Amino acid sequence: MIWPHREWDRLLKDGLKLKLLFVCSKNQWRSPTGERIFSDHPGVETRSAGTSRSAAHKITLGDIQWADMILVMEDKHEQRIRADFRQAVTHKPIHVLDIPDKYPFMDSELIELLYSAVGPLIANK
């Protein structure tokens, strides 16, 4: 599901920011990198969380409610979110970025993958 451009236009027109929630397993490498690199993107606010019990910041209902769009690194993250927050994500766009857990924080290849996957979803057209 691609973010509806009418909704994006409405947010920008109202001076609101698109709230992106990046999710991986432990909230150590991939999702914090996504949060960091898109934090300065115009019209965007970012957060990150993990689905694992040992995550640096474990995803909460508050995170889900805050987000306009949820960006998960793998299918298993989407499955966990849908299982744990079924009602809260009924009408939330969740995008699986297909980024494996093999890149350290702020790795150049990870950054490139994130820009390639997320850029088109948030492009202001």
PDB file of N, CA and C in Angstrom:
ATOM      1  N   MET A   1       0.843  -1.180   0.000  1.00  0.00           N
ATOM      2  CA  MET A   1       0.000   0.000   0.000  1.00  0.00           C
ATOM      3  C   MET A   1       0.886   1.240   0.000  1.00  0.00           C
ATOM      4  N   ILE A   2       0.694   2.114  -0.942  1.00  0.00           N
ATOM      5  CA  ILE A   2       1.468   3.356  -1.008  1.00  0.00           C
ATOM      6  C   ILE A   2       0.674   4.440  -0.293  1.00  0.00           C
ATOM      7  N   TRP A   3       1.397   5.289   0.415  1.00  0.00           N
ATOM      8  CA  TRP A   3       0.759   6.366   1.163  1.00  0.00           C
ATOM      9  C   TRP A   3      -0.099   7.195   0.221  1.00  0.00           C
ATOM     10  N   PRO A   4      -1.370   7.423   0.570  1.00  0.00           N
ATOM     11  CA  PRO A   4      -2.254   8.191  -0.308  1.00  0.00           C
ATOM     12  C   PRO A   4      -1.755   9.627  -0.458  1.00  0.00           C
ATOM     13  N   HIS A   5      -1.534  10.041  -1.689  1.00  0.00           N
ATOM     14  CA  HIS A   5      -0.989  11.379  -1.925  1.00  0.00           C
ATOM     15  C   HIS A   5      -1.934  12.472  -1.456  1.00  0.00           C
ATOM     16  N   ARG A   6      -3.243  12.229  -1.524  1.00  0.00           N
ATOM     17  CA  ARG A   6      -4.185  13.236  -1.013  1.00  0.00           C
ATOM     18  C   ARG A   6      -3.958  13.469   0.473  1.00  0.00           C
ATOM     19  N   GLU A   7      -3.710  12.381   1.197  1.00  0.00           N
ATOM     20  CA  GLU A   7      -3.472  12.498   2.638  1.00  0.00           C
ATOM     21  C   GLU A   7      -2.161  13.237   2.897  1.00  0.00           C
ATOM     22  N   TRP A   8      -1.125  12.896   2.135  1.00  0.00           N
ATOM     23  CA  TRP A   8       0.173  13.574   2.254  1.00  0.00           C
ATOM     24  C   TRP A   8      -0.004  15.064   1.977  1.00  0.00           C
ATOM     25  N   ASP A   9      -0.726  15.405   0.898  1.00  0.00           N
ATOM     26  CA  ASP A   9      -0.961  16.809   0.556  1.00  0.00           C
ATOM     27  C   ASP A   9      -1.714  17.524   1.672  1.00  0.00           C
ATOM     28  N   ARG A  10      -2.692  16.838   2.270  1.00  0.00           N
ATOM     29  CA  ARG A  10      -3.455  17.449   3.365  1.00  0.00           C
ATOM     30  C   ARG A  10      -2.554  17.733   4.557  1.00  0.00           C
ATOM     31  N   LEU A  11      -1.701  16.778   4.900  1.00  0.00           N
ATOM     32  CA  LEU A  11      -0.788  16.974   6.025  1.00  0.00           C
ATOM     33  C   LEU A  11       0.120  18.174   5.787  1.00  0.00           C
ATOM     34  N   LEU A  12       0.703  18.253   4.588  1.00  0.00           N
ATOM     35  CA  LEU A  12       1.598  19.368   4.277  1.00  0.00           C
ATOM     36  C   LEU A  12       0.852  20.696   4.288  1.00  0.00           C
ATOM     37  N   LYS A  13      -0.346  20.698   3.710  1.00  0.00           N
ATOM     38  CA  LYS A  13      -1.152  21.912   3.646  1.00  0.00           C
ATOM     39  C   LYS A  13      -1.496  22.404   5.049  1.00  0.00           C
ATOM     40  N   ASP A  14      -1.782  21.473   5.937  1.00  0.00           N
ATOM     41  CA  ASP A  14      -2.123  21.831   7.313  1.00  0.00           C
ATOM     42  C   ASP A  14      -0.885  22.102   8.164  1.00  0.00           C
ATOM     43  N   GLY A  15       0.301  21.997   7.570  1.00  0.00           N
ATOM     44  CA  GLY A  15       1.537  22.226   8.313  1.00  0.00           C
ATOM     45  C   GLY A  15       1.896  21.075   9.235  1.00  0.00           C
ATOM     46  N   LEU A  16       1.279  19.917   9.018  1.00  0.00           N
ATOM     47  CA  LEU A  16       1.560  18.746   9.842  1.00  0.00           C
ATOM     48  C   LEU A  16       2.651  17.908   9.203  1.00  0.00           C
ATOM     49  N   LYS A  17       3.294  17.107  10.009  1.00  0.00           N
ATOM     50  CA  LYS A  17       4.350  16.239   9.507  1.00  0.00           C
ATOM     51  C   LYS A  17       3.867  14.799   9.439  1.00  0.00           C
ATOM     52  N   LEU A  18       4.376  14.079   8.452  1.00  0.00           N
ATOM     53  CA  LEU A  18       4.107  12.659   8.311  1.00  0.00           C
ATOM     54  C   LEU A  18       4.940  11.928   9.354  1.00  0.00           C
ATOM     55  N   LYS A  19       4.305  11.125  10.181  1.00  0.00           N
ATOM     56  CA  LYS A  19       4.987  10.439  11.283  1.00  0.00           C
ATOM     57  C   LYS A  19       5.338   9.019  10.871  1.00  0.00           C
ATOM     58  N   LEU A  20       6.647   8.758  10.757  1.00  0.00           N
ATOM     59  CA  LEU A  20       7.155   7.455  10.334  1.00  0.00           C
ATOM     60  C   LEU A  20       7.692   6.690  11.527  1.00  0.00           C
ATOM     61  N   LEU A  21       7.232   5.461  11.683  1.00  0.00           N
ATOM     62  CA  LEU A  21       7.733   4.578  12.734  1.00  0.00           C
ATOM     63  C   LEU A  21       8.525   3.456  12.071  1.00  0.00           C
ATOM     64  N   PHE A  22       9.836   3.412  12.342  1.00  0.00           N
ATOM     65  CA  PHE A  22      10.718   2.369  11.817  1.00  0.00           C
ATOM     66  C   PHE A  22      10.810   1.249  12.846  1.00  0.00           C
ATOM     67  N   VAL A  23      10.655   0.004  12.382  1.00  0.00           N
ATOM     68  CA  VAL A  23      10.625  -1.131  13.304  1.00  0.00           C
ATOM     69  C   VAL A  23      11.545  -2.246  12.810  1.00  0.00           C
ATOM     70  N   CYS A  24      12.370  -2.755  13.735  1.00  0.00           N
ATOM     71  CA  CYS A  24      13.165  -3.960  13.487  1.00  0.00           C
ATOM     72  C   CYS A  24      13.018  -4.846  14.728  1.00  0.00           C
ATOM     73  N   SER A  25      13.942  -5.742  14.948  1.00  0.00           N
ATOM     74  CA  SER A  25      13.809  -6.660  16.083  1.00  0.00           C
ATOM     75  C   SER A  25      14.227  -6.029  17.406  1.00  0.00           C
ATOM     76  N   LYS A  26      15.474  -5.606  17.502  1.00  0.00           N
ATOM     77  CA  LYS A  26      16.012  -5.132  18.781  1.00  0.00           C
ATOM     78  C   LYS A  26      16.160  -3.622  18.880  1.00  0.00           C
ATOM     79  N   ASN A  27      15.796  -2.899  17.825  1.00  0.00           N
ATOM     80  CA  ASN A  27      15.904  -1.442  17.827  1.00  0.00           C
ATOM     81  C   ASN A  27      17.336  -0.999  18.128  1.00  0.00           C
ATOM     82  N   GLN A  28      18.291  -1.685  17.487  1.00  0.00           N
ATOM     83  CA  GLN A  28      19.698  -1.337  17.692  1.00  0.00           C
ATOM     84  C   GLN A  28      20.367  -0.825  16.424  1.00  0.00           C
ATOM     85  N   TRP A  29      20.065  -1.416  15.264  1.00  0.00           N
ATOM     86  CA  TRP A  29      20.796  -1.064  14.051  1.00  0.00           C
ATOM     87  C   TRP A  29      19.897  -0.503  12.955  1.00  0.00           C
ATOM     88  N   ARG A  30      18.988  -1.324  12.476  1.00  0.00           N
ATOM     89  CA  ARG A  30      18.221  -0.928  11.292  1.00  0.00           C
ATOM     90  C   ARG A  30      17.214   0.181  11.572  1.00  0.00           C
ATOM     91  N   SER A  31      16.330  -0.025  12.533  1.00  0.00           N
ATOM     92  CA  SER A  31      15.303   0.995  12.766  1.00  0.00           C
ATOM     93  C   SER A  31      15.883   2.310  13.296  1.00  0.00           C
ATOM     94  N   PRO A  32      16.894   2.300  14.186  1.00  0.00           N
ATOM     95  CA  PRO A  32      17.483   3.585  14.574  1.00  0.00           C
ATOM     96  C   PRO A  32      18.171   4.302  13.408  1.00  0.00           C
ATOM     97  N   THR A  33      18.717   3.528  12.470  1.00  0.00           N
ATOM     98  CA  THR A  33      19.317   4.150  11.282  1.00  0.00           C
ATOM     99  C   THR A  33      18.231   4.834  10.460  1.00  0.00           C
ATOM    100  N   GLY A  34      17.110   4.161  10.247  1.00  0.00           N
ATOM    101  CA  GLY A  34      15.994   4.772   9.531  1.00  0.00           C
ATOM    102  C   GLY A  34      15.500   6.027  10.224  1.00  0.00           C
ATOM    103  N   GLU A  35      15.350   5.932  11.535  1.00  0.00           N
ATOM    104  CA  GLU A  35      14.914   7.099  12.314  1.00  0.00           C
ATOM    105  C   GLU A  35      15.880   8.258  12.115  1.00  0.00           C
ATOM    106  N   ARG A  36      17.150   7.990  12.202  1.00  0.00           N
ATOM    107  CA  ARG A  36      18.169   9.039  12.104  1.00  0.00           C
ATOM    108  C   ARG A  36      18.209   9.681  10.717  1.00  0.00           C
ATOM    109  N   ILE A  37      18.265   8.864   9.677  1.00  0.00           N
ATOM    110  CA  ILE A  37      18.486   9.449   8.344  1.00  0.00           C
ATOM    111  C   ILE A  37      17.263  10.181   7.795  1.00  0.00           C
ATOM    112  N   PHE A  38      16.073   9.841   8.264  1.00  0.00           N
ATOM    113  CA  PHE A  38      14.888  10.546   7.790  1.00  0.00           C
ATOM    114  C   PHE A  38      14.417  11.628   8.761  1.00  0.00           C
ATOM    115  N   SER A  39      15.101  11.796   9.877  1.00  0.00           N
ATOM    116  CA  SER A  39      14.661  12.773  10.879  1.00  0.00           C
ATOM    117  C   SER A  39      14.745  14.212  10.376  1.00  0.00           C
ATOM    118  N   ASP A  40      15.624  14.481   9.428  1.00  0.00           N
ATOM    119  CA  ASP A  40      15.756  15.836   8.888  1.00  0.00           C
ATOM    120  C   ASP A  40      15.005  16.026   7.574  1.00  0.00           C
ATOM    121  N   HIS A  41      14.290  15.006   7.141  1.00  0.00           N
ATOM    122  CA  HIS A  41      13.528  15.106   5.895  1.00  0.00           C
ATOM    123  C   HIS A  41      12.380  16.091   6.105  1.00  0.00           C
ATOM    124  N   PRO A  42      12.191  17.036   5.183  1.00  0.00           N
ATOM    125  CA  PRO A  42      11.112  18.013   5.352  1.00  0.00           C
ATOM    126  C   PRO A  42       9.745  17.332   5.428  1.00  0.00           C
ATOM    127  N   GLY A  43       8.936  17.783   6.347  1.00  0.00           N
ATOM    128  CA  GLY A  43       7.582  17.262   6.474  1.00  0.00           C
ATOM    129  C   GLY A  43       7.479  15.899   7.124  1.00  0.00           C
ATOM    130  N   VAL A  44       8.554  15.454   7.792  1.00  0.00           N
ATOM    131  CA  VAL A  44       8.575  14.116   8.377  1.00  0.00           C
ATOM    132  C   VAL A  44       9.039  14.169   9.828  1.00  0.00           C
ATOM    133  N   GLU A  45       8.402  13.369  10.676  1.00  0.00           N
ATOM    134  CA  GLU A  45       8.874  13.094  12.039  1.00  0.00           C
ATOM    135  C   GLU A  45       9.152  11.606  12.105  1.00  0.00           C
ATOM    136  N   THR A  46      10.132  11.213  12.907  1.00  0.00           N
ATOM    137  CA  THR A  46      10.492   9.794  12.967  1.00  0.00           C
ATOM    138  C   THR A  46      10.605   9.288  14.398  1.00  0.00           C
ATOM    139  N   ARG A  47      10.365   7.992  14.517  1.00  0.00           N
ATOM    140  CA  ARG A  47      10.607   7.231  15.744  1.00  0.00           C
ATOM    141  C   ARG A  47      11.072   5.846  15.316  1.00  0.00           C
ATOM    142  N   SER A  48      11.636   5.113  16.270  1.00  0.00           N
ATOM    143  CA  SER A  48      11.985   3.721  15.984  1.00  0.00           C
ATOM    144  C   SER A  48      11.685   2.864  17.199  1.00  0.00           C
ATOM    145  N   ALA A  49      11.489   1.577  16.925  1.00  0.00           N
ATOM    146  CA  ALA A  49      11.165   0.624  17.986  1.00  0.00           C
ATOM    147  C   ALA A  49      11.533  -0.776  17.515  1.00  0.00           C
ATOM    148  N   GLY A  50      11.495  -1.707  18.459  1.00  0.00           N
ATOM    149  CA  GLY A  50      11.771  -3.103  18.143  1.00  0.00           C
ATOM    150  C   GLY A  50      10.639  -3.992  18.618  1.00  0.00           C
ATOM    151  N   THR A  51      10.540  -5.173  18.025  1.00  0.00           N
ATOM    152  CA  THR A  51       9.489  -6.118  18.398  1.00  0.00           C
ATOM    153  C   THR A  51       9.942  -7.122  19.451  1.00  0.00           C
ATOM    154  N   SER A  52      11.228  -7.243  19.663  1.00  0.00           N
ATOM    155  CA  SER A  52      11.773  -8.214  20.612  1.00  0.00           C
ATOM    156  C   SER A  52      11.626  -7.730  22.056  1.00  0.00           C
ATOM    157  N   ARG A  53      11.494  -8.679  22.973  1.00  0.00           N
ATOM    158  CA  ARG A  53      11.447  -8.316  24.400  1.00  0.00           C
ATOM    159  C   ARG A  53      12.713  -7.600  24.835  1.00  0.00           C
ATOM    160  N   SER A  54      13.824  -7.897  24.169  1.00  0.00           N
ATOM    161  CA  SER A  54      15.107  -7.290  24.539  1.00  0.00           C
ATOM    162  C   SER A  54      15.421  -6.031  23.731  1.00  0.00           C
ATOM    163  N   ALA A  55      14.434  -5.479  23.053  1.00  0.00           N
ATOM    164  CA  ALA A  55      14.646  -4.280  22.238  1.00  0.00           C
ATOM    165  C   ALA A  55      15.047  -3.095  23.109  1.00  0.00           C
ATOM    166  N   ALA A  56      15.889  -2.235  22.554  1.00  0.00           N
ATOM    167  CA  ALA A  56      16.273  -1.003  23.249  1.00  0.00           C
ATOM    168  C   ALA A  56      15.022  -0.183  23.577  1.00  0.00           C
ATOM    169  N   HIS A  57      14.097  -0.110  22.637  1.00  0.00           N
ATOM    170  CA  HIS A  57      12.769   0.471  22.876  1.00  0.00           C
ATOM    171  C   HIS A  57      11.767  -0.482  22.246  1.00  0.00           C
ATOM    172  N   LYS A  58      11.010  -1.185  23.076  1.00  0.00           N
ATOM    173  CA  LYS A  58      10.009  -2.133  22.578  1.00  0.00           C
ATOM    174  C   LYS A  58       8.782  -1.358  22.111  1.00  0.00           C
ATOM    175  N   ILE A  59       8.285  -1.730  20.954  1.00  0.00           N
ATOM    176  CA  ILE A  59       7.139  -1.042  20.370  1.00  0.00           C
ATOM    177  C   ILE A  59       5.949  -1.070  21.329  1.00  0.00           C
ATOM    178  N   THR A  60       5.247   0.062  21.405  1.00  0.00           N
ATOM    179  CA  THR A  60       4.102   0.206  22.303  1.00  0.00           C
ATOM    180  C   THR A  60       2.865   0.622  21.508  1.00  0.00           C
ATOM    181  N   LEU A  61       1.726   0.526  22.155  1.00  0.00           N
ATOM    182  CA  LEU A  61       0.495   1.013  21.556  1.00  0.00           C
ATOM    183  C   LEU A  61       0.626   2.501  21.248  1.00  0.00           C
ATOM    184  N   GLY A  62       1.284   3.234  22.122  1.00  0.00           N
ATOM    185  CA  GLY A  62       1.504   4.663  21.887  1.00  0.00           C
ATOM    186  C   GLY A  62       2.273   4.932  20.605  1.00  0.00           C
ATOM    187  N   ASP A  63       3.283   4.110  20.329  1.00  0.00           N
ATOM    188  CA  ASP A  63       4.038   4.253  19.077  1.00  0.00           C
ATOM    189  C   ASP A  63       3.124   4.031  17.876  1.00  0.00           C
ATOM    190  N   ILE A  64       2.316   2.980  17.953  1.00  0.00           N
ATOM    191  CA  ILE A  64       1.396   2.649  16.862  1.00  0.00           C
ATOM    192  C   ILE A  64       0.409   3.794  16.640  1.00  0.00           C
ATOM    193  N   GLN A  65      -0.166   4.298  17.713  1.00  0.00           N
ATOM    194  CA  GLN A  65      -1.146   5.374  17.599  1.00  0.00           C
ATOM    195  C   GLN A  65      -0.512   6.655  17.069  1.00  0.00           C
ATOM    196  N   TRP A  66       0.730   6.905  17.432  1.00  0.00           N
ATOM    197  CA  TRP A  66       1.446   8.106  16.986  1.00  0.00           C
ATOM    198  C   TRP A  66       1.704   8.077  15.484  1.00  0.00           C
ATOM    199  N   ALA A  67       2.033   6.916  14.940  1.00  0.00           N
ATOM    200  CA  ALA A  67       2.518   6.792  13.562  1.00  0.00           C
ATOM    201  C   ALA A  67       1.420   6.963  12.516  1.00  0.00           C
ATOM    202  N   ASP A  68       1.787   7.634  11.426  1.00  0.00           N
ATOM    203  CA  ASP A  68       0.945   7.662  10.231  1.00  0.00           C
ATOM    204  C   ASP A  68       1.278   6.476   9.335  1.00  0.00           C
ATOM    205  N   MET A  69       2.539   6.064   9.368  1.00  0.00           N
ATOM    206  CA  MET A  69       3.021   4.969   8.531  1.00  0.00           C
ATOM    207  C   MET A  69       4.032   4.156   9.331  1.00  0.00           C
ATOM    208  N   ILE A  70       3.913   2.836   9.250  1.00  0.00           N
ATOM    209  CA  ILE A  70       4.827   1.937   9.956  1.00  0.00           C
ATOM    210  C   ILE A  70       5.694   1.241   8.917  1.00  0.00           C
ATOM    211  N   LEU A  71       7.007   1.341   9.102  1.00  0.00           N
ATOM    212  CA  LEU A  71       7.977   0.789   8.161  1.00  0.00           C
ATOM    213  C   LEU A  71       8.764  -0.296   8.872  1.00  0.00           C
ATOM    214  N   VAL A  72       8.500  -1.542   8.500  1.00  0.00           N
ATOM    215  CA  VAL A  72       9.145  -2.678   9.163  1.00  0.00           C
ATOM    216  C   VAL A  72      10.223  -3.258   8.255  1.00  0.00           C
ATOM    217  N   MET A  73      11.243  -3.817   8.861  1.00  0.00           N
ATOM    218  CA  MET A  73      12.366  -4.334   8.092  1.00  0.00           C
ATOM    219  C   MET A  73      12.081  -5.701   7.471  1.00  0.00           C
ATOM    220  N   GLU A  74      11.296  -6.544   8.154  1.00  0.00           N
ATOM    221  CA  GLU A  74      11.042  -7.908   7.678  1.00  0.00           C
ATOM    222  C   GLU A  74       9.578  -8.283   7.908  1.00  0.00           C
ATOM    223  N   ASP A  75       9.142  -9.315   7.184  1.00  0.00           N
ATOM    224  CA  ASP A  75       7.768  -9.817   7.338  1.00  0.00           C
ATOM    225  C   ASP A  75       7.442 -10.165   8.785  1.00  0.00           C
ATOM    226  N   LYS A  76       8.401 -10.750   9.499  1.00  0.00           N
ATOM    227  CA  LYS A  76       8.134 -11.173  10.880  1.00  0.00           C
ATOM    228  C   LYS A  76       7.777  -9.992  11.776  1.00  0.00           C
ATOM    229  N   HIS A  77       8.278  -8.807  11.463  1.00  0.00           N
ATOM    230  CA  HIS A  77       7.945  -7.627  12.267  1.00  0.00           C
ATOM    231  C   HIS A  77       6.492  -7.210  12.024  1.00  0.00           C
ATOM    232  N   GLU A  78       6.074  -7.255  10.768  1.00  0.00           N
ATOM    233  CA  GLU A  78       4.675  -6.955  10.467  1.00  0.00           C
ATOM    234  C   GLU A  78       3.757  -7.968  11.153  1.00  0.00           C
ATOM    235  N   GLN A  79       4.096  -9.237  11.080  1.00  0.00           N
ATOM    236  CA  GLN A  79       3.280 -10.277  11.709  1.00  0.00           C
ATOM    237  C   GLN A  79       3.166 -10.060  13.214  1.00  0.00           C
ATOM    238  N   ARG A  80       4.268  -9.716  13.866  1.00  0.00           N
ATOM    239  CA  ARG A  80       4.262  -9.477  15.308  1.00  0.00           C
ATOM    240  C   ARG A  80       3.389  -8.271  15.642  1.00  0.00           C
ATOM    241  N   ILE A  81       3.515  -7.201  14.878  1.00  0.00           N
ATOM    242  CA  ILE A  81       2.715  -5.996  15.122  1.00  0.00           C
ATOM    243  C   ILE A  81       1.231  -6.300  14.926  1.00  0.00           C
ATOM    244  N   ARG A  82       0.899  -6.995  13.855  1.00  0.00           N
ATOM    245  CA  ARG A  82      -0.517  -7.323  13.599  1.00  0.00           C
ATOM    246  C   ARG A  82      -1.080  -8.248  14.676  1.00  0.00           C
ATOM    247  N   ALA A  83      -0.260  -9.126  15.219  1.00  0.00           N
ATOM    248  CA  ALA A  83      -0.711 -10.024  16.290  1.00  0.00           C
ATOM    249  C   ALA A  83      -0.896  -9.271  17.607  1.00  0.00           C
ATOM    250  N   ASP A  84       0.034  -8.380  17.922  1.00  0.00           N
ATOM    251  CA  ASP A  84       0.002  -7.685  19.214  1.00  0.00           C
ATOM    252  C   ASP A  84      -0.913  -6.462  19.238  1.00  0.00           C
ATOM    253  N   PHE A  85      -1.114  -5.831  18.084  1.00  0.00           N
ATOM    254  CA  PHE A  85      -1.863  -4.571  18.027  1.00  0.00           C
ATOM    255  C   PHE A  85      -2.939  -4.623  16.937  1.00  0.00           C
ATOM    256  N   ARG A  86      -3.646  -5.737  16.875  1.00  0.00           N
ATOM    257  CA  ARG A  86      -4.603  -6.000  15.793  1.00  0.00           C
ATOM    258  C   ARG A  86      -5.535  -4.824  15.515  1.00  0.00           C
ATOM    259  N   GLN A  87      -6.233  -4.345  16.518  1.00  0.00           N
ATOM    260  CA  GLN A  87      -7.201  -3.268  16.292  1.00  0.00           C
ATOM    261  C   GLN A  87      -6.525  -1.951  15.946  1.00  0.00           C
ATOM    262  N   ALA A  88      -5.405  -1.670  16.566  1.00  0.00           N
ATOM    263  CA  ALA A  88      -4.733  -0.386  16.354  1.00  0.00           C
ATOM    264  C   ALA A  88      -4.165  -0.238  14.947  1.00  0.00           C
ATOM    265  N   VAL A  89      -3.871  -1.354  14.287  1.00  0.00           N
ATOM    266  CA  VAL A  89      -3.267  -1.262  12.948  1.00  0.00           C
ATOM    267  C   VAL A  89      -4.248  -1.578  11.820  1.00  0.00           C
ATOM    268  N   THR A  90      -5.516  -1.701  12.150  1.00  0.00           N
ATOM    269  CA  THR A  90      -6.506  -2.052  11.133  1.00  0.00           C
ATOM    270  C   THR A  90      -6.434  -1.131   9.920  1.00  0.00           C
ATOM    271  N   HIS A  91      -6.284   0.154  10.136  1.00  0.00           N
ATOM    272  CA  HIS A  91      -6.259   1.125   9.032  1.00  0.00           C
ATOM    273  C   HIS A  91      -4.920   1.845   8.922  1.00  0.00           C
ATOM    274  N   LYS A  92      -3.868   1.258   9.464  1.00  0.00           N
ATOM    275  CA  LYS A  92      -2.522   1.857   9.382  1.00  0.00           C
ATOM    276  C   LYS A  92      -1.752   1.220   8.241  1.00  0.00           C
ATOM    277  N   PRO A  93      -1.122   2.029   7.405  1.00  0.00           N
ATOM    278  CA  PRO A  93      -0.260   1.429   6.387  1.00  0.00           C
ATOM    279  C   PRO A  93       1.008   0.863   7.021  1.00  0.00           C
ATOM    280  N   ILE A  94       1.276  -0.404   6.741  1.00  0.00           N
ATOM    281  CA  ILE A  94       2.508  -1.057   7.189  1.00  0.00           C
ATOM    282  C   ILE A  94       3.248  -1.508   5.934  1.00  0.00           C
ATOM    283  N   HIS A  95       4.481  -1.070   5.796  1.00  0.00           N
ATOM    284  CA  HIS A  95       5.298  -1.411   4.635  1.00  0.00           C
ATOM    285  C   HIS A  95       6.464  -2.282   5.077  1.00  0.00           C
ATOM    286  N   VAL A  96       6.627  -3.414   4.418  1.00  0.00           N
ATOM    287  CA  VAL A  96       7.762  -4.300   4.675  1.00  0.00           C
ATOM    288  C   VAL A  96       8.884  -3.884   3.727  1.00  0.00           C
ATOM    289  N   LEU A  97      10.028  -3.483   4.292  1.00  0.00           N
ATOM    290  CA  LEU A  97      11.135  -2.973   3.490  1.00  0.00           C
ATOM    291  C   LEU A  97      12.080  -4.062   2.993  1.00  0.00           C
ATOM    292  N   ASP A  98      11.954  -5.270   3.520  1.00  0.00           N
ATOM    293  CA  ASP A  98      12.804  -6.404   3.118  1.00  0.00           C
ATOM    294  C   ASP A  98      14.290  -6.105   3.286  1.00  0.00           C
ATOM    295  N   ILE A  99      14.650  -5.621   4.463  1.00  0.00           N
ATOM    296  CA  ILE A  99      16.054  -5.333   4.775  1.00  0.00           C
ATOM    297  C   ILE A  99      16.504  -6.318   5.847  1.00  0.00           C
ATOM    298  N   PRO A 100      17.441  -7.213   5.503  1.00  0.00           N
ATOM    299  CA  PRO A 100      17.877  -8.245   6.452  1.00  0.00           C
ATOM    300  C   PRO A 100      18.702  -7.680   7.605  1.00  0.00           C
ATOM    301  N   ASP A 101      18.787  -8.465   8.652  1.00  0.00           N
ATOM    302  CA  ASP A 101      19.498  -8.064   9.875  1.00  0.00           C
ATOM    303  C   ASP A 101      20.988  -8.392   9.749  1.00  0.00           C
ATOM    304  N   LYS A 102      21.664  -7.660   8.888  1.00  0.00           N
ATOM    305  CA  LYS A 102      23.093  -7.912   8.705  1.00  0.00           C
ATOM    306  C   LYS A 102      23.914  -6.633   8.596  1.00  0.00           C
ATOM    307  N   TYR A 103      23.302  -5.497   8.881  1.00  0.00           N
ATOM    308  CA  TYR A 103      23.992  -4.222   8.745  1.00  0.00           C
ATOM    309  C   TYR A 103      24.117  -3.530  10.098  1.00  0.00           C
ATOM    310  N   PRO A 104      25.284  -3.001  10.421  1.00  0.00           N
ATOM    311  CA  PRO A 104      25.421  -2.235  11.661  1.00  0.00           C
ATOM    312  C   PRO A 104      24.777  -0.852  11.516  1.00  0.00           C
ATOM    313  N   PHE A 105      24.616  -0.195  12.637  1.00  0.00           N
ATOM    314  CA  PHE A 105      24.030   1.141  12.696  1.00  0.00           C
ATOM    315  C   PHE A 105      24.770   2.088  11.754  1.00  0.00           C
ATOM    316  N   MET A 106      24.018   2.795  10.925  1.00  0.00           N
ATOM    317  CA  MET A 106      24.513   3.810   9.991  1.00  0.00           C
ATOM    318  C   MET A 106      25.467   3.252   8.932  1.00  0.00           C
ATOM    319  N   ASP A 107      25.378   1.966   8.650  1.00  0.00           N
ATOM    320  CA  ASP A 107      26.164   1.354   7.579  1.00  0.00           C
ATOM    321  C   ASP A 107      25.756   1.982   6.241  1.00  0.00           C
ATOM    322  N   SER A 108      26.723   2.262   5.382  1.00  0.00           N
ATOM    323  CA  SER A 108      26.425   2.950   4.122  1.00  0.00           C
ATOM    324  C   SER A 108      25.476   2.144   3.227  1.00  0.00           C
ATOM    325  N   GLU A 109      25.620   0.838   3.196  1.00  0.00           N
ATOM    326  CA  GLU A 109      24.719   0.010   2.385  1.00  0.00           C
ATOM    327  C   GLU A 109      23.306   0.008   2.972  1.00  0.00           C
ATOM    328  N   LEU A 110      23.205  -0.021   4.292  1.00  0.00           N
ATOM    329  CA  LEU A 110      21.903   0.054   4.961  1.00  0.00           C
ATOM    330  C   LEU A 110      21.221   1.383   4.640  1.00  0.00           C
ATOM    331  N   ILE A 111      21.976   2.457   4.697  1.00  0.00           N
ATOM    332  CA  ILE A 111      21.426   3.782   4.388  1.00  0.00           C
ATOM    333  C   ILE A 111      20.901   3.819   2.956  1.00  0.00           C
ATOM    334  N   GLU A 112      21.668   3.273   2.034  1.00  0.00           N
ATOM    335  CA  GLU A 112      21.248   3.231   0.631  1.00  0.00           C
ATOM    336  C   GLU A 112      19.961   2.418   0.467  1.00  0.00           C
ATOM    337  N   LEU A 113      19.882   1.271   1.134  1.00  0.00           N
ATOM    338  CA  LEU A 113      18.675   0.445   1.065  1.00  0.00           C
ATOM    339  C   LEU A 113      17.462   1.178   1.633  1.00  0.00           C
ATOM    340  N   LEU A 114      17.652   1.865   2.736  1.00  0.00           N
ATOM    341  CA  LEU A 114      16.548   2.609   3.351  1.00  0.00           C
ATOM    342  C   LEU A 114      16.071   3.741   2.447  1.00  0.00           C
ATOM    343  N   TYR A 115      17.004   4.507   1.886  1.00  0.00           N
ATOM    344  CA  TYR A 115      16.608   5.580   0.970  1.00  0.00           C
ATOM    345  C   TYR A 115      15.847   5.019  -0.232  1.00  0.00           C
ATOM    346  N   SER A 116      16.320   3.916  -0.775  1.00  0.00           N
ATOM    347  CA  SER A 116      15.663   3.309  -1.941  1.00  0.00           C
ATOM    348  C   SER A 116      14.260   2.816  -1.612  1.00  0.00           C
ATOM    349  N   ALA A 117      14.091   2.245  -0.434  1.00  0.00           N
ATOM    350  CA  ALA A 117      12.799   1.671  -0.052  1.00  0.00           C
ATOM    351  C   ALA A 117      11.804   2.714   0.444  1.00  0.00           C
ATOM    352  N   VAL A 118      12.286   3.671   1.218  1.00  0.00           N
ATOM    353  CA  VAL A 118      11.385   4.628   1.869  1.00  0.00           C
ATOM    354  C   VAL A 118      11.170   5.883   1.031  1.00  0.00           C
ATOM    355  N   GLY A 119      12.189   6.313   0.318  1.00  0.00           N
ATOM    356  CA  GLY A 119      12.095   7.539  -0.475  1.00  0.00           C
ATOM    357  C   GLY A 119      10.843   7.627  -1.331  1.00  0.00           C
ATOM    358  N   PRO A 120      10.547   6.597  -2.134  1.00  0.00           N
ATOM    359  CA  PRO A 120       9.347   6.663  -2.976  1.00  0.00           C
ATOM    360  C   PRO A 120       8.038   6.727  -2.179  1.00  0.00           C
ATOM    361  N   LEU A 121       8.036   6.202  -0.983  1.00  0.00           N
ATOM    362  CA  LEU A 121       6.814   6.211  -0.168  1.00  0.00           C
ATOM    363  C   LEU A 121       6.496   7.589   0.380  1.00  0.00           C
ATOM    364  N   ILE A 122       7.517   8.414   0.535  1.00  0.00           N
ATOM    365  CA  ILE A 122       7.297   9.723   1.158  1.00  0.00           C
ATOM    366  C   ILE A 122       7.574  10.875   0.206  1.00  0.00           C
ATOM    367  N   ALA A 123       7.871  10.559  -1.048  1.00  0.00           N
ATOM    368  CA  ALA A 123       8.149  11.611  -2.027  1.00  0.00           C
ATOM    369  C   ALA A 123       6.927  12.510  -2.171  1.00  0.00           C
ATOM    370  N   ASN A 124       7.154  13.794  -2.112  1.00  0.00           N
ATOM    371  CA  ASN A 124       6.070  14.771  -2.271  1.00  0.00           C
ATOM    372  C   ASN A 124       5.906  15.052  -3.757  1.00  0.00           C
ATOM    373  N   LYS A 125       4.891  14.454  -4.341  1.00  0.00           N
ATOM    374  CA  LYS A 125       4.704  14.598  -5.794  1.00  0.00           C
ATOM    375  C   LYS A 125       3.652  15.606  -6.123  1.00  0.00           C
TER     376      LYS A 125
END
